[in-house]
Protein backbone atom coordinates (compact mmCIF):
# COMPACT_ATOMS: atom_id res chain seq x y z
CA MET A 1 18.77 20.74 24.72
CA THR A 2 17.04 17.56 25.68
CA ASP A 3 18.78 14.82 27.86
CA ARG A 4 17.78 11.66 25.66
CA LEU A 5 17.57 9.01 28.28
CA TYR A 6 16.83 6.18 25.60
CA TYR A 7 20.46 6.70 24.27
CA THR A 8 21.98 5.13 27.41
CA ASP A 9 18.84 3.28 28.55
CA PRO A 10 16.40 2.12 26.00
CA TYR A 11 14.45 0.15 28.72
CA CYS A 12 13.77 3.24 30.66
CA ARG A 13 9.91 3.02 30.75
CA SER A 14 9.22 6.13 33.09
CA PHE A 15 11.06 9.18 34.55
CA HIS A 16 10.44 12.52 35.82
CA ALA A 17 11.20 15.99 33.84
CA THR A 18 10.76 19.19 34.18
CA VAL A 19 8.81 21.20 31.32
CA THR A 20 11.49 23.66 29.82
CA ARG A 21 9.25 25.19 27.16
CA SER A 22 5.41 25.02 26.22
CA PHE A 23 4.51 26.31 22.84
CA GLU A 24 2.31 25.00 19.67
CA HIS A 25 4.10 23.07 16.78
CA GLU A 26 2.00 23.06 13.53
CA GLY A 27 -1.26 24.14 15.43
CA ARG A 28 -0.98 21.37 18.16
CA PRO A 29 0.23 22.01 21.86
CA ALA A 30 3.60 20.62 22.51
CA VAL A 31 6.34 20.69 25.31
CA ALA A 32 10.09 20.38 25.35
CA LEU A 33 11.58 18.69 28.45
CA ASP A 34 15.05 18.80 30.20
CA ARG A 35 15.16 15.08 29.65
CA THR A 36 13.11 12.37 28.08
CA ALA A 37 12.81 8.82 27.49
CA PHE A 38 10.42 9.42 24.54
CA TYR A 39 12.09 8.30 21.11
CA PRO A 40 11.34 10.75 18.23
CA THR A 41 11.03 9.65 14.41
CA SER A 42 14.57 9.04 13.11
CA GLY A 43 16.72 6.75 11.21
CA GLY A 44 13.70 4.68 10.08
CA GLN A 45 12.05 3.95 13.54
CA PRO A 46 8.90 5.62 14.21
CA PHE A 47 8.34 7.86 17.23
CA ASP A 48 7.10 6.91 20.86
CA THR A 49 3.93 7.74 22.30
CA GLY A 50 2.71 7.56 26.06
CA GLU A 51 2.03 9.88 28.86
CA LEU A 52 3.06 12.96 30.53
CA GLY A 53 1.20 13.05 33.55
CA ALA A 54 -2.43 13.41 32.53
CA VAL A 55 -1.87 14.25 29.09
CA GLN A 56 -1.39 12.26 26.09
CA VAL A 57 2.06 12.07 23.97
CA VAL A 58 0.57 11.77 20.60
CA GLU A 59 3.76 12.33 18.54
CA THR A 60 7.47 12.79 19.45
CA ILE A 61 9.66 14.91 16.81
CA ASP A 62 13.35 15.12 16.52
CA ALA A 63 14.78 18.70 16.83
CA ASP A 64 17.62 20.20 19.19
CA ALA A 65 15.05 19.88 21.87
CA VAL A 66 12.89 16.81 21.60
CA ILE A 67 9.28 17.93 20.84
CA HIS A 68 6.33 16.44 22.50
CA VAL A 69 3.08 16.88 20.84
CA VAL A 70 0.68 16.51 23.57
CA SER A 71 -3.15 16.21 23.79
CA ALA A 72 -3.41 19.27 26.27
CA PRO A 73 -1.14 22.21 27.19
CA LEU A 74 1.42 21.85 30.14
CA PRO A 75 2.80 25.00 31.79
CA ALA A 76 6.43 25.48 31.64
CA GLY A 77 8.37 24.99 34.81
CA SER A 78 6.00 22.29 35.79
CA THR A 79 7.46 18.93 37.02
CA VAL A 80 5.78 15.83 35.08
CA ALA A 81 5.96 11.79 35.46
CA GLY A 82 6.62 10.61 32.01
CA GLU A 83 5.46 7.18 30.83
CA ILE A 84 6.27 5.47 27.47
CA ASN A 85 3.74 3.03 25.66
CA TRP A 86 6.16 -0.03 26.39
CA THR A 87 4.45 -2.33 24.04
CA ARG A 88 4.89 0.17 21.36
CA ARG A 89 8.73 0.83 22.25
CA PHE A 90 9.55 -3.09 22.70
CA ASP A 91 7.88 -3.82 19.52
CA HIS A 92 10.27 -1.12 17.90
CA MET A 93 13.26 -2.51 19.67
CA GLN A 94 12.68 -5.81 18.37
CA GLN A 95 12.27 -4.67 14.80
CA HIS A 96 15.22 -2.43 14.70
CA THR A 97 17.58 -5.08 16.41
CA GLY A 98 16.19 -7.50 14.17
CA GLN A 99 17.06 -5.07 10.94
CA HIS A 100 20.70 -5.00 12.31
CA LEU A 101 21.09 -8.56 12.30
CA LEU A 102 19.48 -9.06 8.93
CA SER A 103 21.54 -6.39 7.39
CA ALA A 104 24.65 -7.68 8.90
CA ALA A 105 23.77 -11.20 7.78
CA PHE A 106 23.28 -10.08 4.07
CA ASP A 107 26.41 -8.02 4.13
CA ARG A 108 28.74 -10.80 5.95
CA LEU A 109 27.48 -13.58 3.81
CA PHE A 110 27.18 -11.75 0.21
CA GLU A 111 28.71 -8.30 0.89
CA ASN A 112 25.61 -6.81 -0.13
CA PRO A 113 24.88 -3.75 2.18
CA THR A 114 21.65 -2.29 3.13
CA VAL A 115 21.05 1.25 1.64
CA SER A 116 17.69 2.25 3.49
CA PHE A 117 15.50 0.85 6.23
CA HIS A 118 11.80 1.55 7.09
CA MET A 119 9.80 0.32 10.21
CA GLY A 120 5.95 0.43 9.49
CA ALA A 121 3.03 -0.41 11.63
CA ASP A 122 2.57 -3.95 10.53
CA VAL A 123 5.91 -4.90 8.65
CA SER A 124 9.26 -3.36 8.11
CA THR A 125 11.38 -3.31 4.66
CA ILE A 126 15.08 -3.08 4.04
CA ASP A 127 16.63 -2.14 0.70
CA VAL A 128 19.89 -3.81 -0.23
CA ALA A 129 21.96 -2.96 -3.16
CA ARG A 130 21.80 -5.85 -5.48
CA GLU A 131 19.05 -8.60 -6.01
CA MET A 132 18.91 -11.56 -4.03
CA SER A 133 18.01 -14.99 -4.76
CA PRO A 134 15.44 -17.10 -2.47
CA GLY A 135 18.25 -19.25 -1.36
CA GLU A 136 20.54 -16.56 -0.29
CA ILE A 137 17.67 -14.92 1.71
CA GLU A 138 17.12 -17.86 3.47
CA ARG A 139 20.86 -18.33 4.43
CA ALA A 140 20.97 -14.57 5.77
CA VAL A 141 17.48 -15.28 7.70
CA ASP A 142 19.06 -18.65 9.32
CA THR A 143 22.04 -16.75 10.13
CA ALA A 144 20.28 -13.98 11.76
CA ASN A 145 18.25 -16.26 13.66
CA GLU A 146 21.33 -18.25 15.08
CA VAL A 147 22.62 -15.30 16.42
CA ILE A 148 19.32 -14.34 17.96
CA TRP A 149 19.01 -17.87 19.73
CA GLU A 150 22.54 -17.60 20.90
CA ASN A 151 21.74 -14.80 22.81
CA ARG A 152 24.48 -12.46 22.58
CA SER A 153 25.03 -9.22 24.21
CA ILE A 154 24.16 -5.99 22.79
CA SER A 155 26.13 -2.84 24.27
CA ILE A 156 25.79 0.73 23.62
CA ARG A 157 29.04 2.85 23.57
CA PHE A 158 30.05 6.36 22.47
CA VAL A 159 32.98 7.22 20.18
CA SER A 160 34.37 10.12 18.62
CA TRP A 161 34.65 10.23 14.82
CA GLU A 162 38.29 9.57 14.65
CA GLU A 163 38.10 6.61 16.98
CA ALA A 164 34.98 5.39 14.68
CA ALA A 165 37.13 5.48 11.64
CA LYS A 166 39.55 2.79 13.16
CA LEU A 167 36.55 0.38 14.04
CA PRO A 168 35.10 -2.08 11.75
CA LEU A 169 31.72 -0.38 11.29
CA ARG A 170 29.35 -1.96 8.90
CA LYS A 171 28.84 1.26 7.11
CA ASP A 172 30.50 4.63 7.28
CA PRO A 173 28.89 6.93 9.80
CA ALA A 174 26.48 9.74 8.23
CA ARG A 175 27.64 12.44 10.26
CA GLU A 176 30.96 13.56 12.47
CA GLY A 177 31.07 14.36 16.33
CA ILE A 178 30.38 11.84 18.81
CA LEU A 179 28.87 8.70 17.73
CA ARG A 180 26.62 6.16 19.35
CA VAL A 181 27.86 2.73 18.31
CA ILE A 182 25.48 -0.58 18.87
CA ASP A 183 27.78 -3.42 19.30
CA VAL A 184 26.32 -6.94 18.72
CA ALA A 185 29.10 -9.10 20.23
CA GLY A 186 31.16 -10.89 17.50
CA PHE A 187 28.48 -10.14 14.84
CA ASP A 188 27.86 -6.27 14.01
CA LEU A 189 29.19 -2.92 14.73
CA SER A 190 26.89 -0.11 13.78
CA ALA A 191 26.68 3.56 14.36
CA CYS A 192 22.92 4.06 15.12
CA GLY A 193 20.66 6.39 17.29
CA GLY A 194 17.88 3.90 17.58
CA THR A 195 16.58 1.68 20.44
CA HIS A 196 17.58 -1.96 20.71
CA VAL A 197 17.11 -4.85 22.96
CA ASN A 198 20.16 -5.64 25.31
CA ARG A 199 20.43 -9.43 24.26
CA THR A 200 19.81 -10.71 20.83
CA GLY A 201 17.43 -13.38 22.25
CA GLY A 202 14.97 -10.38 23.11
CA VAL A 203 14.24 -10.16 19.16
CA GLY A 204 12.60 -13.58 19.26
CA GLY A 205 13.21 -14.25 15.71
CA VAL A 206 13.38 -12.67 12.31
CA VAL A 207 11.09 -13.90 9.26
CA VAL A 208 11.37 -12.31 5.69
CA LEU A 209 7.97 -12.38 4.55
CA ALA A 210 8.59 -11.31 0.80
CA SER A 211 11.11 -9.67 -1.47
CA GLU A 212 10.89 -7.44 -4.73
CA ARG A 213 13.20 -5.71 -7.32
CA HIS A 214 13.49 -2.19 -6.15
CA ARG A 215 15.93 0.48 -8.01
CA GLY A 216 18.40 -2.13 -9.02
CA GLY A 217 18.53 -3.88 -5.86
CA ALA A 218 16.03 -5.59 -3.75
CA ARG A 219 13.32 -4.56 -1.16
CA LEU A 220 12.89 -7.14 1.69
CA THR A 221 9.75 -7.31 3.68
CA PHE A 222 10.24 -8.71 7.20
CA VAL A 223 8.83 -9.35 10.71
CA CYS A 224 10.27 -9.90 14.17
CA GLY A 225 9.33 -11.17 17.53
CA GLY A 226 5.74 -10.56 18.45
CA ARG A 227 5.04 -9.22 14.82
CA ALA A 228 6.34 -12.69 13.63
CA ILE A 229 3.94 -14.37 15.75
CA ARG A 230 0.77 -12.30 14.77
CA THR A 231 1.94 -12.86 11.06
CA LEU A 232 2.16 -16.71 11.76
CA ARG A 233 -1.54 -16.47 13.30
CA SER A 234 -3.00 -14.52 10.46
CA TYR A 235 -1.24 -17.14 7.88
CA ARG A 236 -2.60 -20.04 9.75
CA GLU A 237 -6.22 -18.61 9.82
CA ALA A 238 -5.90 -17.99 6.04
CA ILE A 239 -4.47 -21.69 5.37
CA THR A 240 -7.18 -23.29 7.93
CA GLY A 241 -9.84 -21.48 6.02
CA SER A 242 -8.64 -22.41 2.57
CA VAL A 243 -8.08 -25.96 3.45
CA ARG A 244 -11.62 -25.98 4.62
CA ILE A 245 -12.89 -24.66 1.53
CA LEU A 246 -11.00 -26.71 -0.75
CA SER A 247 -10.95 -29.97 1.28
CA VAL A 248 -6.97 -30.55 0.85
CA LEU A 249 -4.29 -30.67 3.04
CA PRO A 250 -1.92 -27.67 3.55
CA PRO A 251 0.85 -29.14 1.59
CA ASP A 252 -1.55 -29.48 -1.35
CA LEU A 253 -2.98 -25.92 -1.43
CA PRO A 254 -0.60 -24.40 -4.00
CA SER A 255 -1.50 -27.06 -6.58
CA ALA A 256 -5.10 -26.71 -5.61
CA VAL A 257 -5.22 -23.04 -6.14
CA GLU A 258 -3.47 -23.23 -9.55
CA ARG A 259 -5.99 -25.62 -10.61
CA LEU A 260 -8.72 -23.34 -9.79
CA HIS A 261 -6.92 -20.60 -11.42
CA VAL A 262 -6.78 -22.72 -14.87
CA GLU A 263 -10.61 -23.60 -14.27
CA ALA A 264 -11.41 -20.21 -13.87
CA ARG A 265 -9.37 -18.94 -16.77
CA ASP A 266 -11.17 -21.59 -18.95
CA LEU A 267 -14.58 -20.53 -17.71
CA HIS A 268 -13.91 -16.81 -18.37
CA LYS A 269 -13.12 -17.94 -22.02
CA GLN A 270 -16.06 -19.73 -22.36
CA VAL A 271 -18.28 -16.94 -20.87
CA LYS A 272 -16.42 -14.35 -23.32
CA GLU A 273 -17.53 -16.63 -26.42
CA LEU A 274 -21.04 -17.19 -25.05
CA ARG A 275 -21.58 -13.44 -24.39
CA VAL A 276 -20.46 -12.55 -27.94
CA GLU A 277 -22.68 -15.22 -29.37
CA LEU A 278 -25.60 -13.93 -26.96
CA ALA A 279 -24.64 -10.35 -28.05
CA GLY A 280 -25.28 -11.44 -31.78
CA HIS A 281 -28.64 -12.92 -31.34
CA GLU A 282 -29.62 -9.74 -28.76
CA GLY A 283 -28.41 -7.47 -31.63
CA ARG A 284 -30.41 -8.87 -34.26
CA ARG A 285 -33.34 -8.73 -32.00
CA LEU A 286 -32.70 -5.00 -30.94
CA ALA A 287 -32.17 -3.99 -34.68
CA GLY A 288 -35.59 -5.46 -35.54
CA SER A 289 -37.05 -3.57 -32.98
CA GLY A 290 -35.87 -0.07 -34.03
CA THR A 291 -37.46 2.69 -35.79
CA ASP A 292 -36.54 3.90 -39.54
CA VAL A 293 -35.47 7.28 -39.92
CA ASN A 294 -34.71 8.54 -43.45
CA GLY A 295 -33.46 5.06 -44.41
CA ALA A 296 -31.67 4.22 -41.14
CA ARG A 297 -32.60 1.92 -38.60
CA VAL A 298 -32.43 3.67 -34.99
CA VAL A 299 -31.80 1.74 -32.01
CA VAL A 300 -31.82 3.70 -28.63
CA GLN A 301 -32.62 1.83 -25.46
CA ARG A 302 -31.40 0.99 -22.00
CA VAL A 303 -30.29 -2.51 -21.57
CA ALA A 304 -30.10 -4.43 -18.07
CA GLY A 305 -27.27 -7.17 -17.15
CA TRP A 306 -24.85 -5.50 -19.32
CA ASP A 307 -21.55 -3.84 -18.30
CA PRO A 308 -19.69 -1.23 -20.42
CA ALA A 309 -17.62 -4.08 -22.26
CA GLY A 310 -20.99 -5.93 -23.06
CA LEU A 311 -22.73 -2.79 -24.37
CA LYS A 312 -19.62 -2.35 -26.62
CA VAL A 313 -20.16 -6.02 -27.83
CA LEU A 314 -24.07 -5.45 -28.23
CA ALA A 315 -23.63 -2.36 -29.90
CA ALA A 316 -21.53 -3.69 -32.57
CA ALA A 317 -23.78 -6.52 -33.07
CA VAL A 318 -26.64 -4.05 -33.71
CA VAL A 319 -24.98 -2.05 -36.41
CA ALA A 320 -23.48 -5.33 -37.90
CA GLU A 321 -26.99 -6.05 -39.18
CA GLY A 322 -26.87 -3.08 -41.75
CA LYS A 323 -27.41 0.58 -42.02
CA ALA A 324 -28.22 1.43 -38.37
CA CYS A 325 -27.36 3.89 -35.70
CA THR A 326 -27.31 2.79 -31.88
CA ALA A 327 -27.16 4.56 -28.45
CA LEU A 328 -27.28 1.62 -25.80
CA LEU A 329 -27.13 2.73 -22.01
CA SER A 330 -27.00 0.56 -19.14
CA ALA A 331 -30.12 0.70 -16.88
CA GLU A 332 -28.21 1.59 -13.78
CA SER A 333 -27.59 5.06 -12.74
CA PRO A 334 -25.16 6.68 -13.35
CA ALA A 335 -25.50 5.36 -17.02
CA ALA A 336 -22.74 4.16 -19.23
CA ILE A 337 -23.52 4.72 -22.75
CA VAL A 338 -21.89 3.36 -26.06
CA VAL A 339 -22.90 4.95 -29.53
CA ALA A 340 -22.31 3.18 -32.75
CA ARG A 341 -23.08 3.30 -36.42
CA SER A 342 -22.69 1.87 -39.60
CA PRO A 343 -20.31 3.19 -42.28
CA ASP A 344 -23.20 4.38 -44.23
CA VAL A 345 -25.08 6.29 -41.70
CA PRO A 346 -24.18 10.00 -41.38
CA VAL A 347 -24.32 10.11 -37.41
CA ASP A 348 -20.87 11.39 -35.69
CA ALA A 349 -20.90 9.11 -32.67
CA ARG A 350 -17.97 11.12 -31.06
CA MET A 351 -19.94 14.42 -31.62
CA LEU A 352 -23.09 13.01 -30.27
CA LEU A 353 -21.39 11.98 -27.20
CA GLN A 354 -20.11 15.16 -26.75
CA GLN A 355 -23.18 16.82 -27.02
CA LEU A 356 -24.86 14.60 -24.21
CA MET A 357 -21.71 15.36 -21.71
CA GLU A 358 -22.49 19.11 -22.38
CA LYS A 359 -25.80 18.63 -21.59
CA PHE A 360 -25.40 16.22 -18.52
CA GLY A 361 -21.78 16.09 -17.65
CA GLY A 362 -19.78 12.64 -17.44
CA ARG A 363 -16.84 11.86 -19.49
CA GLY A 364 -15.88 9.67 -22.88
CA GLY A 365 -14.74 9.69 -26.06
CA GLY A 366 -14.19 7.77 -29.12
CA LYS A 367 -14.24 7.86 -32.98
CA PRO A 368 -16.80 9.02 -35.58
CA ASP A 369 -18.14 5.44 -35.96
CA PHE A 370 -17.94 4.47 -32.17
CA ALA A 371 -17.81 6.26 -28.89
CA GLN A 372 -18.34 5.24 -25.22
CA GLY A 373 -18.74 7.33 -22.16
CA GLY A 374 -20.86 7.51 -18.77
CA GLY A 375 -21.14 9.30 -15.39
CA PHE A 376 -23.96 11.76 -16.53
CA ASN A 377 -25.58 13.80 -13.88
CA ALA A 378 -29.04 12.56 -15.15
CA PRO A 379 -31.51 9.45 -14.91
CA PRO A 380 -30.71 6.95 -17.52
CA GLU A 381 -34.09 7.59 -19.22
CA GLN A 382 -33.38 11.00 -19.42
CA VAL A 383 -30.14 10.51 -21.27
CA GLU A 384 -31.87 7.91 -23.54
CA SER A 385 -34.42 10.48 -24.76
CA ALA A 386 -31.78 13.03 -25.42
CA ALA A 387 -29.78 10.44 -27.61
CA ARG A 388 -32.70 9.61 -29.46
CA ASP A 389 -33.64 13.27 -30.24
CA LEU A 390 -30.05 13.93 -31.36
CA ILE A 391 -29.50 10.95 -33.62
CA GLU A 392 -32.73 11.34 -35.29
CA VAL A 393 -32.02 15.34 -35.84
CA ALA A 394 -29.00 14.33 -37.46
CA LEU A 395 -30.56 11.64 -40.15
CA ARG A 396 -33.21 14.36 -40.73
CA ARG A 397 -30.67 16.73 -41.79
CA ARG A 398 -29.73 14.60 -44.81
């Protein structure tokens, strides 16, 4: 067993300990210590990193004895000086304490309990039991921040499971035995093994960035303290850049973006209509340039400037000109291809594409009168030549 110093003193940054065991954990060097301030991943909070003497602690894992995965082996019986990465630890303390305050606010104001918590590298999330309106979320955030600014004390105490049953805990403890309880004075009482600041003012502030439906409830994305400041800076840079580009004031950004969205949608519609019109003209030109094979017009070409969706429109325009079969390929490698034929032309487009894929790889599918694919392991000109040969062979079999 390891004496977990963070249970009673989350502000402990450095300590001395004895290596009780040196071993490998999943192929990496690891040690167990008689005492540690390194927090292992648990309860939604990530692990601490830092140093043990001259070696790096790259991961900390929760077990009977806390496992410290290190950058190089340390001999059993040696004494080491431990130093945790305080920047990382304090960030985790801010986020975890902020989660307690936010969850308590939702529970107190709306009887909406938190069902899970996850702390990520940039943002954290809590899942609550039911959906929340924007107004309810803001009320809870305001309440949590009021408690932060009051700088209330946060204490740690240990109680038996029987004693805990008599306490007004925000949620029932997940296990029996001795429980560690985090007490935010006059606001929240929760069983928790994580690290927290010792006064609510240390959280700095809490901001909910987003809310979405999740498994019948809601998932809220939030940041606290230093993360909130960094997020504000990134938002400021994004807004400043947008204001400069759009030449509007910050309050006018939403309407300006909405106007651009409408304009872009209208332009997209116009481009689509013009593309269809252009495809008709180009299709007639291509049909006129084809060769006659047994009474059918054959058009096999590489065409530049048309994506797969455009090739479909172009191929449809070619076969609409009359008795014809076409295979149109993009000029870029790997080539995309569309195979199409008029109803009275005896060529199976799907089978022809399958033959090309057997020869050159790739993928695709379709129907006897229309098929499309791509990803061939050959230059476009080679695929073009093979497609022409297959179409002409099929037509001459009649």
